[in-house]
């Protein structure tokens, strides 16, 4: 029905807007008219955002990770692996 780059008229604006919402596009003003344009790709999360997300998911804040990764901590291998994954990401932030 619609496609990227297609001009939008007053008569089909509502249908075009619905199509855009369903197809990752939007309507923007160009050269005195309106055109369907693709939405930009979402930005990749920063390393800091990745670390924060993993900390929130696991509850393994830096202080907890230090305890988990300490020798003879008694933490399970699964928890130690998750903590190590986060530490590997966070190491970039500490450089």
Protein backbone atom coordinates (compact mmCIF):
# COMPACT_ATOMS: atom_id res chain seq x y z
CA UNK A 1 0.00 0.00 0.00
CA UNK A 2 2.69 2.53 1.04
CA UNK A 3 6.47 2.56 0.77
CA UNK A 4 9.46 4.55 1.97
CA UNK A 5 9.87 7.72 -0.07
CA UNK A 6 6.23 7.91 -1.09
CA UNK A 7 4.56 11.31 -0.92
CA UNK A 8 1.68 11.67 1.53
CA UNK A 9 -1.38 13.70 0.68
CA UNK A 10 -4.04 15.22 2.86
CA UNK A 11 -6.43 12.48 1.71
CA UNK A 12 -4.20 9.52 2.69
CA UNK A 13 -2.36 11.02 5.67
CA UNK A 14 -4.22 8.99 8.31
CA UNK A 15 -3.76 5.69 6.45
CA UNK A 16 -0.10 6.54 5.85
CA UNK A 17 0.42 7.28 9.55
CA UNK A 18 -1.14 3.94 10.50
CA UNK A 19 1.07 2.16 7.97
CA UNK A 20 4.15 3.96 9.31
CA UNK A 21 3.40 2.90 12.89
CA UNK A 22 3.14 -0.72 11.78
CA UNK A 23 6.22 -0.67 9.55
CA UNK A 24 8.94 1.23 11.40
CA UNK A 25 8.55 4.48 9.51
CA UNK A 26 7.36 8.03 10.06
CA UNK A 27 6.09 10.98 8.06
CA UNK A 28 8.38 13.95 7.70
CA UNK A 29 8.18 17.26 5.94
CA UNK A 30 10.41 17.56 2.88
CA UNK A 31 10.45 20.16 0.12
CA UNK A 32 7.13 21.66 1.16
CA UNK A 33 5.35 18.29 1.24
CA UNK A 34 5.17 15.19 3.38
CA UNK A 35 7.03 11.96 2.67
CA UNK A 36 7.24 8.55 4.33
CA UNK A 37 10.72 7.97 5.79
CA UNK A 38 12.27 4.99 7.56
CA UNK A 39 12.88 5.28 11.30
CA UNK A 40 16.57 5.33 12.20
CA UNK A 41 18.00 2.17 13.72
CA UNK A 42 18.12 2.30 17.52
CA UNK A 43 21.50 3.21 18.93
CA UNK A 44 23.59 0.44 20.44
CA UNK A 45 23.74 0.70 24.23
CA UNK A 46 27.00 2.02 25.64
CA UNK A 47 29.23 -0.26 27.70
CA UNK A 48 28.10 1.59 30.82
CA UNK A 49 24.44 0.98 29.92
CA UNK A 50 25.19 -2.71 29.27
CA UNK A 51 26.87 -3.07 32.66
CA UNK A 52 23.98 -1.29 34.40
CA UNK A 53 21.44 -3.54 32.66
CA UNK A 54 23.29 -6.72 33.64
CA UNK A 55 23.66 -5.48 37.22
CA UNK A 56 19.93 -4.79 37.38
CA UNK A 57 19.07 -8.20 35.91
CA UNK A 58 21.34 -10.18 38.21
CA UNK A 59 21.64 -8.03 41.33
CA UNK A 60 25.43 -8.34 40.99
CA UNK A 61 26.60 -4.82 41.75
CA UNK A 62 30.34 -4.17 41.85
CA UNK A 63 30.58 -4.74 45.59
CA UNK A 64 28.66 -8.02 45.34
CA UNK A 65 30.78 -9.13 42.37
CA UNK A 66 33.94 -8.56 44.38
CA UNK A 67 32.59 -10.81 47.13
CA UNK A 68 31.41 -13.47 44.68
CA UNK A 69 34.73 -13.53 42.85
CA UNK A 70 36.81 -13.67 46.04
CA UNK A 71 38.61 -16.93 46.70
CA UNK A 72 36.48 -19.47 48.61
CA UNK A 73 33.41 -17.24 48.41
CA UNK A 74 31.07 -20.22 48.28
CA UNK A 75 29.19 -18.77 45.30
CA UNK A 76 27.95 -21.21 42.69
CA UNK A 77 29.81 -21.55 39.40
CA UNK A 78 26.82 -20.02 37.60
CA UNK A 79 26.90 -16.88 39.77
CA UNK A 80 30.68 -16.65 39.43
CA UNK A 81 30.36 -16.82 35.63
CA UNK A 82 27.69 -14.08 35.56
CA UNK A 83 29.85 -11.90 37.82
CA UNK A 84 32.89 -12.49 35.60
CA UNK A 85 30.90 -11.54 32.46
CA UNK A 86 29.93 -8.23 34.04
CA UNK A 87 33.49 -7.63 35.27
CA UNK A 88 34.83 -8.22 31.75
CA UNK A 89 32.47 -5.54 30.41
CA UNK A 90 33.16 -3.16 33.30
CA UNK A 91 36.95 -3.46 32.87
CA UNK A 92 36.68 -1.22 29.80
CA UNK A 93 35.13 1.51 31.95
CA UNK A 94 37.99 1.38 34.46
CA UNK A 95 40.76 1.91 31.90
